[in-house]
């Protein structure tokens, strides 16, 4: 029975990966989740779905070694927020890759970001590229998935979304930006984990829809079947002043360079049922309605 380890299984991307693996129809597959807290509500939910929980931390080499025992393939996602900023993210990613090599894993899928290789001005993007290079040079079999911005960062209807759209308009003007649903990230990663020969040494940049802020709002309202709160106007200078350093770098790059890779039709060749913003919004509303 092949065993797949998912890092960040209680998060948005990792959760999408777990969902896709469990929905793959592979009855011979064991899914294992690395989590720092095996008693949390999200972890408990995973366990109820048949996921093996293993306690560990990307900064704890001994716990990684234990988590990787008997694992055939793994999904790695890293985060710059927290320990030592982007330096900490590098440390976490490199330590996991080293542990995976020591454990003899057959394949590793790393979640990077679209444009990681060309966004030197965005520290937390370029950190992902450094980890890509470390994985490529590790001797491990690998796949790199580069998603664009997540649809999941969009707040539900209400004052929060009004401020979100106002801030996006201030930071990005009328430029078209790219979005992907975490469910589709999960499906892409799962394909690479379950078909390593097909996806070995491939870098997959994925996008679900391209839209400016006006088009984004219209798609959300179409999907939800209702008009939202009026968009709040916010001055650009104020939003920039309130935006944390790393995100300011990102929004400046997205606005001024406006060159983030990711083609919707190319992604659709991988994922014929690719989720657009309207469909994502409709599904989110349906989930809220049953809560």
C-alpha atoms as a PDB file:
ATOM      1  CA  UNK A   1       0.000   0.000   0.000  1.00  0.00           C
ATOM      2  CA  UNK A   2       1.631   3.297  -1.094  1.00  0.00           C
ATOM      3  CA  UNK A   3       1.759   5.990   1.575  1.00  0.00           C
ATOM      4  CA  UNK A   4       1.664   9.717   0.805  1.00  0.00           C
ATOM      5  CA  UNK A   5       2.627  12.351   3.382  1.00  0.00           C
ATOM      6  CA  UNK A   6       0.937  15.750   3.161  1.00  0.00           C
ATOM      7  CA  UNK A   7       2.573  18.736   4.848  1.00  0.00           C
ATOM      8  CA  UNK A   8       0.129  21.472   5.852  1.00  0.00           C
ATOM      9  CA  UNK A   9      -2.843  19.119   5.603  1.00  0.00           C
ATOM     10  CA  UNK A  10      -4.975  21.334   7.861  1.00  0.00           C
ATOM     11  CA  UNK A  11      -4.357  24.402   5.673  1.00  0.00           C
ATOM     12  CA  UNK A  12      -5.950  25.560   2.429  1.00  0.00           C
ATOM     13  CA  UNK A  13      -3.523  24.013  -0.046  1.00  0.00           C
ATOM     14  CA  UNK A  14      -2.787  20.888   1.963  1.00  0.00           C
ATOM     15  CA  UNK A  15      -6.479  20.415   2.623  1.00  0.00           C
ATOM     16  CA  UNK A  16      -7.102  20.497  -1.116  1.00  0.00           C
ATOM     17  CA  UNK A  17      -4.412  17.868  -1.623  1.00  0.00           C
ATOM     18  CA  UNK A  18      -5.924  15.571   1.018  1.00  0.00           C
ATOM     19  CA  UNK A  19      -9.389  15.960  -0.526  1.00  0.00           C
ATOM     20  CA  UNK A  20      -8.082  15.083  -3.980  1.00  0.00           C
ATOM     21  CA  UNK A  21      -6.139  12.067  -2.734  1.00  0.00           C
ATOM     22  CA  UNK A  22      -9.125  10.716  -0.813  1.00  0.00           C
ATOM     23  CA  UNK A  23     -11.331  11.246  -3.881  1.00  0.00           C
ATOM     24  CA  UNK A  24      -8.905   9.553  -6.268  1.00  0.00           C
ATOM     25  CA  UNK A  25     -10.550   6.155  -6.026  1.00  0.00           C
ATOM     26  CA  UNK A  26      -7.260   4.552  -5.042  1.00  0.00           C
ATOM     27  CA  UNK A  27      -8.281   1.990  -2.430  1.00  0.00           C
ATOM     28  CA  UNK A  28      -4.652   0.944  -1.948  1.00  0.00           C
ATOM     29  CA  UNK A  29      -3.571   4.436  -0.862  1.00  0.00           C
ATOM     30  CA  UNK A  30      -2.703   5.566   2.661  1.00  0.00           C
ATOM     31  CA  UNK A  31      -2.757   9.320   3.309  1.00  0.00           C
ATOM     32  CA  UNK A  32      -0.667  10.624   6.194  1.00  0.00           C
ATOM     33  CA  UNK A  33      -0.837  14.201   7.511  1.00  0.00           C
ATOM     34  CA  UNK A  34       2.040  16.011   9.202  1.00  0.00           C
ATOM     35  CA  UNK A  35       0.676  18.386  11.839  1.00  0.00           C
ATOM     36  CA  UNK A  36       2.042  20.123  14.909  1.00  0.00           C
ATOM     37  CA  UNK A  37      -1.202  19.514  16.789  1.00  0.00           C
ATOM     38  CA  UNK A  38      -2.851  16.125  16.337  1.00  0.00           C
ATOM     39  CA  UNK A  39      -5.685  17.054  18.733  1.00  0.00           C
ATOM     40  CA  UNK A  40      -6.898  20.176  16.914  1.00  0.00           C
ATOM     41  CA  UNK A  41     -10.368  20.301  15.377  1.00  0.00           C
ATOM     42  CA  UNK A  42      -9.008  20.283  11.776  1.00  0.00           C
ATOM     43  CA  UNK A  43      -6.755  17.322  12.612  1.00  0.00           C
ATOM     44  CA  UNK A  44      -9.671  15.474  14.199  1.00  0.00           C
ATOM     45  CA  UNK A  45     -11.683  16.056  11.022  1.00  0.00           C
ATOM     46  CA  UNK A  46      -8.878  14.534   8.947  1.00  0.00           C
ATOM     47  CA  UNK A  47      -8.696  11.494  11.206  1.00  0.00           C
ATOM     48  CA  UNK A  48     -12.442  10.960  10.804  1.00  0.00           C
ATOM     49  CA  UNK A  49     -11.892  10.767   7.047  1.00  0.00           C
ATOM     50  CA  UNK A  50      -9.311   8.019   7.400  1.00  0.00           C
ATOM     51  CA  UNK A  51      -6.151  10.133   7.320  1.00  0.00           C
ATOM     52  CA  UNK A  52      -3.222   8.984   9.457  1.00  0.00           C
ATOM     53  CA  UNK A  53      -2.053  11.775  11.768  1.00  0.00           C
ATOM     54  CA  UNK A  54       1.596  12.156  12.670  1.00  0.00           C
ATOM     55  CA  UNK A  55       2.896  14.882  14.947  1.00  0.00           C
ATOM     56  CA  UNK A  56       5.847  16.797  13.585  1.00  0.00           C
ATOM     57  CA  UNK A  57       7.382  20.105  12.608  1.00  0.00           C
ATOM     58  CA  UNK A  58       9.469  21.122   9.608  1.00  0.00           C
ATOM     59  CA  UNK A  59      12.043  22.528  12.043  1.00  0.00           C
ATOM     60  CA  UNK A  60      12.303  19.280  14.021  1.00  0.00           C
ATOM     61  CA  UNK A  61      14.481  16.853  12.069  1.00  0.00           C
ATOM     62  CA  UNK A  62      13.792  13.933  14.392  1.00  0.00           C
ATOM     63  CA  UNK A  63      10.026  14.324  14.017  1.00  0.00           C
ATOM     64  CA  UNK A  64      10.416  14.515  10.232  1.00  0.00           C
ATOM     65  CA  UNK A  65      12.431  11.313  10.184  1.00  0.00           C
ATOM     66  CA  UNK A  66       9.675   9.549  12.126  1.00  0.00           C
ATOM     67  CA  UNK A  67       6.917  10.995   9.943  1.00  0.00           C
ATOM     68  CA  UNK A  68       8.653   9.822   6.760  1.00  0.00           C
ATOM     69  CA  UNK A  69       9.080   6.192   7.807  1.00  0.00           C
ATOM     70  CA  UNK A  70       7.334   4.050   5.204  1.00  0.00           C
ATOM     71  CA  UNK A  71       6.373   7.033   3.028  1.00  0.00           C
ATOM     72  CA  UNK A  72       6.576   6.688  -0.756  1.00  0.00           C
ATOM     73  CA  UNK A  73       5.789  10.252  -1.842  1.00  0.00           C
ATOM     74  CA  UNK A  74       5.253  13.596  -0.137  1.00  0.00           C
ATOM     75  CA  UNK A  75       3.736  17.007  -0.691  1.00  0.00           C
ATOM     76  CA  UNK A  76       5.688  19.970   0.671  1.00  0.00           C
ATOM     77  CA  UNK A  77       4.361  23.462   1.264  1.00  0.00           C
ATOM     78  CA  UNK A  78       6.293  26.133   3.177  1.00  0.00           C
ATOM     79  CA  UNK A  79       5.370  29.482   4.715  1.00  0.00           C
ATOM     80  CA  UNK A  80       7.502  32.568   5.326  1.00  0.00           C
ATOM     81  CA  UNK A  81       5.187  33.842   8.048  1.00  0.00           C
ATOM     82  CA  UNK A  82       6.596  33.042  11.455  1.00  0.00           C
ATOM     83  CA  UNK A  83      10.002  31.652  12.361  1.00  0.00           C
ATOM     84  CA  UNK A  84      12.824  33.811  10.929  1.00  0.00           C
ATOM     85  CA  UNK A  85      10.741  35.096   8.018  1.00  0.00           C
ATOM     86  CA  UNK A  86      11.961  33.946   4.592  1.00  0.00           C
ATOM     87  CA  UNK A  87      15.208  32.618   6.083  1.00  0.00           C
ATOM     88  CA  UNK A  88      13.096  30.362   8.262  1.00  0.00           C
ATOM     89  CA  UNK A  89      11.120  29.214   5.232  1.00  0.00           C
ATOM     90  CA  UNK A  90      14.345  28.256   3.479  1.00  0.00           C
ATOM     91  CA  UNK A  91      15.491  26.356   6.542  1.00  0.00           C
ATOM     92  CA  UNK A  92      12.198  24.478   6.804  1.00  0.00           C
ATOM     93  CA  UNK A  93      12.091  23.531   3.136  1.00  0.00           C
ATOM     94  CA  UNK A  94      15.707  22.438   2.903  1.00  0.00           C
ATOM     95  CA  UNK A  95      15.433  20.370   6.061  1.00  0.00           C
ATOM     96  CA  UNK A  96      12.373  18.549   4.729  1.00  0.00           C
ATOM     97  CA  UNK A  97      14.043  17.862   1.378  1.00  0.00           C
ATOM     98  CA  UNK A  98      17.126  16.507   3.156  1.00  0.00           C
ATOM     99  CA  UNK A  99      14.941  14.302   5.354  1.00  0.00           C
ATOM    100  CA  UNK A 100      13.016  13.051   2.319  1.00  0.00           C
ATOM    101  CA  UNK A 101      16.253  12.103   0.594  1.00  0.00           C
ATOM    102  CA  UNK A 102      17.529  10.297   3.687  1.00  0.00           C
ATOM    103  CA  UNK A 103      14.224   8.423   3.954  1.00  0.00           C
ATOM    104  CA  UNK A 104      14.468   7.325   0.323  1.00  0.00           C
ATOM    105  CA  UNK A 105      11.244   8.888  -0.942  1.00  0.00           C
ATOM    106  CA  UNK A 106      10.314   8.061  -4.506  1.00  0.00           C
ATOM    107  CA  UNK A 107       8.779  11.450  -5.306  1.00  0.00           C
ATOM    108  CA  UNK A 108       8.301  14.935  -3.807  1.00  0.00           C
ATOM    109  CA  UNK A 109       5.828  17.561  -5.004  1.00  0.00           C
ATOM    110  CA  UNK A 110       6.620  21.118  -3.906  1.00  0.00           C
ATOM    111  CA  UNK A 111       4.103  23.956  -3.921  1.00  0.00           C
ATOM    112  CA  UNK A 112       5.832  27.115  -5.141  1.00  0.00           C
ATOM    113  CA  UNK A 113       4.215  30.191  -6.720  1.00  0.00           C
ATOM    114  CA  UNK A 114       3.665  31.378 -10.285  1.00  0.00           C
ATOM    115  CA  UNK A 115       6.534  33.654 -11.260  1.00  0.00           C
ATOM    116  CA  UNK A 116       8.895  32.452  -8.541  1.00  0.00           C
ATOM    117  CA  UNK A 117      11.784  32.387 -11.010  1.00  0.00           C
ATOM    118  CA  UNK A 118      11.270  35.937 -12.306  1.00  0.00           C
ATOM    119  CA  UNK A 119      10.067  37.798  -9.205  1.00  0.00           C
ATOM    120  CA  UNK A 120      13.424  38.595  -7.602  1.00  0.00           C
ATOM    121  CA  UNK A 121      11.889  41.785  -6.196  1.00  0.00           C
ATOM    122  CA  UNK A 122       9.389  39.757  -4.138  1.00  0.00           C
ATOM    123  CA  UNK A 123      11.300  38.115  -1.310  1.00  0.00           C
ATOM    124  CA  UNK A 124       8.763  35.443  -0.427  1.00  0.00           C
ATOM    125  CA  UNK A 125       8.307  34.495  -4.104  1.00  0.00           C
ATOM    126  CA  UNK A 126      12.028  34.220  -4.771  1.00  0.00           C
ATOM    127  CA  UNK A 127      12.502  32.158  -1.615  1.00  0.00           C
ATOM    128  CA  UNK A 128      10.225  29.577  -3.222  1.00  0.00           C
ATOM    129  CA  UNK A 129      12.482  29.578  -6.286  1.00  0.00           C
ATOM    130  CA  UNK A 130      15.525  28.918  -4.111  1.00  0.00           C
ATOM    131  CA  UNK A 131      13.706  25.917  -2.661  1.00  0.00           C
ATOM    132  CA  UNK A 132      12.776  24.777  -6.169  1.00  0.00           C
ATOM    133  CA  UNK A 133      16.452  24.800  -7.086  1.00  0.00           C
ATOM    134  CA  UNK A 134      17.400  22.954  -3.904  1.00  0.00           C
ATOM    135  CA  UNK A 135      14.860  20.241  -4.719  1.00  0.00           C
ATOM    136  CA  UNK A 136      16.008  19.990  -8.344  1.00  0.00           C
ATOM    137  CA  UNK A 137      19.604  19.503  -7.216  1.00  0.00           C
ATOM    138  CA  UNK A 138      18.742  17.043  -4.419  1.00  0.00           C
ATOM    139  CA  UNK A 139      18.704  13.925  -6.552  1.00  0.00           C
ATOM    140  CA  UNK A 140      15.073  13.252  -5.621  1.00  0.00           C
ATOM    141  CA  UNK A 141      12.341  12.712  -8.185  1.00  0.00           C
ATOM    142  CA  UNK A 142      10.286  15.917  -8.141  1.00  0.00           C
ATOM    143  CA  UNK A 143       7.378  17.928  -9.477  1.00  0.00           C
ATOM    144  CA  UNK A 144       6.916  21.644  -8.824  1.00  0.00           C
ATOM    145  CA  UNK A 145       3.448  23.198  -8.849  1.00  0.00           C
ATOM    146  CA  UNK A 146       3.267  26.986  -9.266  1.00  0.00           C
ATOM    147  CA  UNK A 147      -0.227  28.308  -8.493  1.00  0.00           C
ATOM    148  CA  UNK A 148      -1.328  31.900  -8.979  1.00  0.00           C
ATOM    149  CA  UNK A 149      -3.312  33.776  -6.299  1.00  0.00           C
ATOM    150  CA  UNK A 150      -5.846  31.782  -4.300  1.00  0.00           C
ATOM    151  CA  UNK A 151      -9.566  32.418  -4.625  1.00  0.00           C
ATOM    152  CA  UNK A 152      -9.755  31.441  -0.959  1.00  0.00           C
ATOM    153  CA  UNK A 153      -8.295  34.794   0.124  1.00  0.00           C
ATOM    154  CA  UNK A 154     -11.557  36.449  -0.990  1.00  0.00           C
ATOM    155  CA  UNK A 155     -13.798  37.125   2.037  1.00  0.00           C
ATOM    156  CA  UNK A 156     -17.480  36.142   2.042  1.00  0.00           C
ATOM    157  CA  UNK A 157     -20.078  38.839   1.228  1.00  0.00           C
ATOM    158  CA  UNK A 158     -20.163  41.693   3.697  1.00  0.00           C
ATOM    159  CA  UNK A 159     -18.070  44.574   4.922  1.00  0.00           C
ATOM    160  CA  UNK A 160     -14.893  42.483   4.798  1.00  0.00           C
ATOM    161  CA  UNK A 161     -15.280  41.846   1.089  1.00  0.00           C
ATOM    162  CA  UNK A 162     -16.076  45.512   0.452  1.00  0.00           C
ATOM    163  CA  UNK A 163     -12.789  46.510   2.059  1.00  0.00           C
ATOM    164  CA  UNK A 164     -10.966  43.672   0.276  1.00  0.00           C
ATOM    165  CA  UNK A 165     -12.177  44.776  -3.152  1.00  0.00           C
ATOM    166  CA  UNK A 166     -11.431  48.404  -2.309  1.00  0.00           C
ATOM    167  CA  UNK A 167      -7.896  47.507  -1.272  1.00  0.00           C
ATOM    168  CA  UNK A 168      -7.384  45.390  -4.393  1.00  0.00           C
ATOM    169  CA  UNK A 169      -8.585  48.251  -6.590  1.00  0.00           C
ATOM    170  CA  UNK A 170      -6.222  50.651  -4.823  1.00  0.00           C
ATOM    171  CA  UNK A 171      -3.228  48.323  -5.124  1.00  0.00           C
ATOM    172  CA  UNK A 172      -3.855  46.833  -8.567  1.00  0.00           C
ATOM    173  CA  UNK A 173      -5.916  49.452 -10.413  1.00  0.00           C
ATOM    174  CA  UNK A 174      -7.626  47.977 -13.466  1.00  0.00           C
ATOM    175  CA  UNK A 175      -4.926  45.391 -14.156  1.00  0.00           C
ATOM    176  CA  UNK A 176      -6.015  41.823 -14.792  1.00  0.00           C
ATOM    177  CA  UNK A 177      -4.779  39.309 -12.230  1.00  0.00           C
ATOM    178  CA  UNK A 178      -4.943  35.530 -12.019  1.00  0.00           C
ATOM    179  CA  UNK A 179      -6.790  33.293  -9.581  1.00  0.00           C
ATOM    180  CA  UNK A 180      -6.940  29.569  -8.792  1.00  0.00           C
ATOM    181  CA  UNK A 181      -9.080  27.530  -6.403  1.00  0.00           C
ATOM    182  CA  UNK A 182      -7.194  25.536  -3.769  1.00  0.00           C
ATOM    183  CA  UNK A 183      -9.284  22.533  -4.784  1.00  0.00           C
ATOM    184  CA  UNK A 184      -7.637  22.680  -8.207  1.00  0.00           C
ATOM    185  CA  UNK A 185      -4.198  23.045  -6.651  1.00  0.00           C
ATOM    186  CA  UNK A 186      -4.989  19.897  -4.693  1.00  0.00           C
ATOM    187  CA  UNK A 187      -6.079  18.012  -7.810  1.00  0.00           C
ATOM    188  CA  UNK A 188      -2.893  18.988  -9.645  1.00  0.00           C
ATOM    189  CA  UNK A 189      -0.679  17.940  -6.748  1.00  0.00           C
ATOM    190  CA  UNK A 190      -2.559  14.654  -6.340  1.00  0.00           C
ATOM    191  CA  UNK A 191      -2.044  13.809 -10.013  1.00  0.00           C
ATOM    192  CA  UNK A 192       1.688  14.378  -9.639  1.00  0.00           C
ATOM    193  CA  UNK A 193       1.860  12.308  -6.446  1.00  0.00           C
ATOM    194  CA  UNK A 194      -0.086   9.404  -7.927  1.00  0.00           C
ATOM    195  CA  UNK A 195       1.544   9.501 -11.389  1.00  0.00           C
ATOM    196  CA  UNK A 196       5.175  10.406 -10.656  1.00  0.00           C
ATOM    197  CA  UNK A 197       6.505   8.969 -13.911  1.00  0.00           C
ATOM    198  CA  UNK A 198       4.224  11.233 -15.942  1.00  0.00           C
ATOM    199  CA  UNK A 199       5.032  14.348 -13.914  1.00  0.00           C
ATOM    200  CA  UNK A 200       8.681  13.744 -13.012  1.00  0.00           C
ATOM    201  CA  UNK A 201      10.874  16.843 -13.480  1.00  0.00           C
ATOM    202  CA  UNK A 202       7.906  18.976 -14.563  1.00  0.00           C
ATOM    203  CA  UNK A 203       7.051  22.484 -13.399  1.00  0.00           C
ATOM    204  CA  UNK A 204       3.314  23.133 -13.625  1.00  0.00           C
ATOM    205  CA  UNK A 205       2.048  26.724 -13.546  1.00  0.00           C
ATOM    206  CA  UNK A 206      -1.707  26.732 -12.987  1.00  0.00           C
ATOM    207  CA  UNK A 207      -4.426  29.404 -13.228  1.00  0.00           C
ATOM    208  CA  UNK A 208      -8.224  29.197 -13.121  1.00  0.00           C
ATOM    209  CA  UNK A 209      -9.343  32.656 -14.267  1.00  0.00           C
ATOM    210  CA  UNK A 210      -8.010  36.069 -15.217  1.00  0.00           C
ATOM    211  CA  UNK A 211      -9.957  39.121 -14.029  1.00  0.00           C
ATOM    212  CA  UNK A 212      -9.640  42.739 -12.992  1.00  0.00           C
ATOM    213  CA  UNK A 213     -11.372  43.891  -9.804  1.00  0.00           C
ATOM    214  CA  UNK A 214     -14.597  44.836 -11.609  1.00  0.00           C
ATOM    215  CA  UNK A 215     -14.752  41.440 -13.322  1.00  0.00           C
ATOM    216  CA  UNK A 216     -13.882  39.699 -10.071  1.00  0.00           C
ATOM    217  CA  UNK A 217     -16.742  41.357  -8.242  1.00  0.00           C
ATOM    218  CA  UNK A 218     -19.204  40.595 -11.059  1.00  0.00           C
ATOM    219  CA  UNK A 219     -18.202  36.912 -11.118  1.00  0.00           C
ATOM    220  CA  UNK A 220     -18.603  36.641  -7.348  1.00  0.00           C
ATOM    221  CA  UNK A 221     -22.072  38.203  -7.454  1.00  0.00           C
ATOM    222  CA  UNK A 222     -23.109  35.995 -10.383  1.00  0.00           C
ATOM    223  CA  UNK A 223     -22.008  32.891  -8.523  1.00  0.00           C
ATOM    224  CA  UNK A 224     -23.760  33.898  -5.316  1.00  0.00           C
ATOM    225  CA  UNK A 225     -26.896  35.081  -7.085  1.00  0.00           C
ATOM    226  CA  UNK A 226     -27.000  38.336  -5.167  1.00  0.00           C
ATOM    227  CA  UNK A 227     -25.493  41.788  -5.192  1.00  0.00           C
ATOM    228  CA  UNK A 228     -22.900  42.459  -2.543  1.00  0.00           C
ATOM    229  CA  UNK A 229     -22.172  45.512  -0.451  1.00  0.00           C
ATOM    230  CA  UNK A 230     -20.927  48.553  -2.360  1.00  0.00           C
ATOM    231  CA  UNK A 231     -17.175  48.521  -2.937  1.00  0.00           C
ATOM    232  CA  UNK A 232     -15.432  50.883  -0.540  1.00  0.00           C
ATOM    233  CA  UNK A 233     -13.084  53.403  -2.122  1.00  0.00           C
ATOM    234  CA  UNK A 234      -9.687  53.518  -0.450  1.00  0.00           C
ATOM    235  CA  UNK A 235      -6.786  55.850  -1.336  1.00  0.00           C
ATOM    236  CA  UNK A 236      -3.780  53.999  -2.707  1.00  0.00           C
ATOM    237  CA  UNK A 237      -1.295  55.795  -0.461  1.00  0.00           C
ATOM    238  CA  UNK A 238      -3.174  54.652   2.636  1.00  0.00           C
ATOM    239  CA  UNK A 239      -3.489  51.023   1.551  1.00  0.00           C
ATOM    240  CA  UNK A 240       0.202  50.903   0.642  1.00  0.00           C
ATOM    241  CA  UNK A 241       1.128  52.368   4.014  1.00  0.00           C
ATOM    242  CA  UNK A 242      -0.940  49.718   5.819  1.00  0.00           C
ATOM    243  CA  UNK A 243       0.265  46.789   3.688  1.00  0.00           C
ATOM    244  CA  UNK A 244       2.999  44.632   5.283  1.00  0.00           C
ATOM    245  CA  UNK A 245       6.413  44.687   3.604  1.00  0.00           C
ATOM    246  CA  UNK A 246       6.282  41.322   1.817  1.00  0.00           C
ATOM    247  CA  UNK A 247       2.795  41.899   0.469  1.00  0.00           C
ATOM    248  CA  UNK A 248       3.708  45.394  -0.692  1.00  0.00           C
ATOM    249  CA  UNK A 249       6.533  43.848  -2.716  1.00  0.00           C
ATOM    250  CA  UNK A 250       4.086  41.369  -4.193  1.00  0.00           C
ATOM    251  CA  UNK A 251       1.420  43.916  -5.110  1.00  0.00           C
ATOM    252  CA  UNK A 252       4.007  46.278  -6.608  1.00  0.00           C
ATOM    253  CA  UNK A 253       5.273  43.437  -8.808  1.00  0.00           C
ATOM    254  CA  UNK A 254       1.770  42.365  -9.811  1.00  0.00           C
ATOM    255  CA  UNK A 255       0.776  45.964 -10.612  1.00  0.00           C
ATOM    256  CA  UNK A 256       3.873  47.426 -12.252  1.00  0.00           C
ATOM    257  CA  UNK A 257       5.320  44.340 -13.944  1.00  0.00           C
ATOM    258  CA  UNK A 258       1.927  42.623 -14.431  1.00  0.00           C
ATOM    259  CA  UNK A 259       3.627  39.555 -15.865  1.00  0.00           C
ATOM    260  CA  UNK A 260       2.698  36.673 -13.579  1.00  0.00           C
ATOM    261  CA  UNK A 261       2.693  33.475 -15.659  1.00  0.00           C
ATOM    262  CA  UNK A 262      -0.241  31.083 -15.801  1.00  0.00           C
ATOM    263  CA  UNK A 263      -2.515  30.214 -18.716  1.00  0.00           C
ATOM    264  CA  UNK A 264      -6.098  29.154 -18.081  1.00  0.00           C
ATOM    265  CA  UNK A 265      -6.460  27.038 -21.226  1.00  0.00           C
ATOM    266  CA  UNK A 266      -3.163  25.284 -20.580  1.00  0.00           C
ATOM    267  CA  UNK A 267      -4.337  24.507 -17.057  1.00  0.00           C
ATOM    268  CA  UNK A 268      -7.593  23.171 -18.469  1.00  0.00           C
ATOM    269  CA  UNK A 269      -5.656  20.511 -20.372  1.00  0.00           C
ATOM    270  CA  UNK A 270      -4.660  19.151 -16.958  1.00  0.00           C
ATOM    271  CA  UNK A 271      -7.971  19.886 -15.252  1.00  0.00           C
ATOM    272  CA  UNK A 272     -10.932  19.772 -17.667  1.00  0.00           C
ATOM    273  CA  UNK A 273     -13.317  20.701 -14.829  1.00  0.00           C
ATOM    274  CA  UNK A 274     -11.286  23.775 -13.878  1.00  0.00           C
ATOM    275  CA  UNK A 275     -13.068  25.973 -11.335  1.00  0.00           C
ATOM    276  CA  UNK A 276     -13.666  29.605 -12.301  1.00  0.00           C
ATOM    277  CA  UNK A 277     -14.559  32.408  -9.894  1.00  0.00           C
ATOM    278  CA  UNK A 278     -18.310  32.162 -10.508  1.00  0.00           C
ATOM    279  CA  UNK A 279     -18.382  28.428  -9.765  1.00  0.00           C
ATOM    280  CA  UNK A 280     -16.105  28.842  -6.751  1.00  0.00           C
ATOM    281  CA  UNK A 281     -18.378  31.552  -5.335  1.00  0.00           C
ATOM    282  CA  UNK A 282     -21.480  29.409  -5.874  1.00  0.00           C
ATOM    283  CA  UNK A 283     -19.894  26.480  -4.047  1.00  0.00           C
ATOM    284  CA  UNK A 284     -18.744  28.681  -1.185  1.00  0.00           C
ATOM    285  CA  UNK A 285     -22.275  30.045  -0.801  1.00  0.00           C
ATOM    286  CA  UNK A 286     -23.735  26.536  -0.804  1.00  0.00           C
ATOM    287  CA  UNK A 287     -21.336  25.532   1.976  1.00  0.00           C
ATOM    288  CA  UNK A 288     -22.237  28.605   4.042  1.00  0.00           C
ATOM    289  CA  UNK A 289     -25.943  27.945   3.579  1.00  0.00           C
ATOM    290  CA  UNK A 290     -25.735  24.500   5.199  1.00  0.00           C
ATOM    291  CA  UNK A 291     -23.679  25.636   8.188  1.00  0.00           C
END
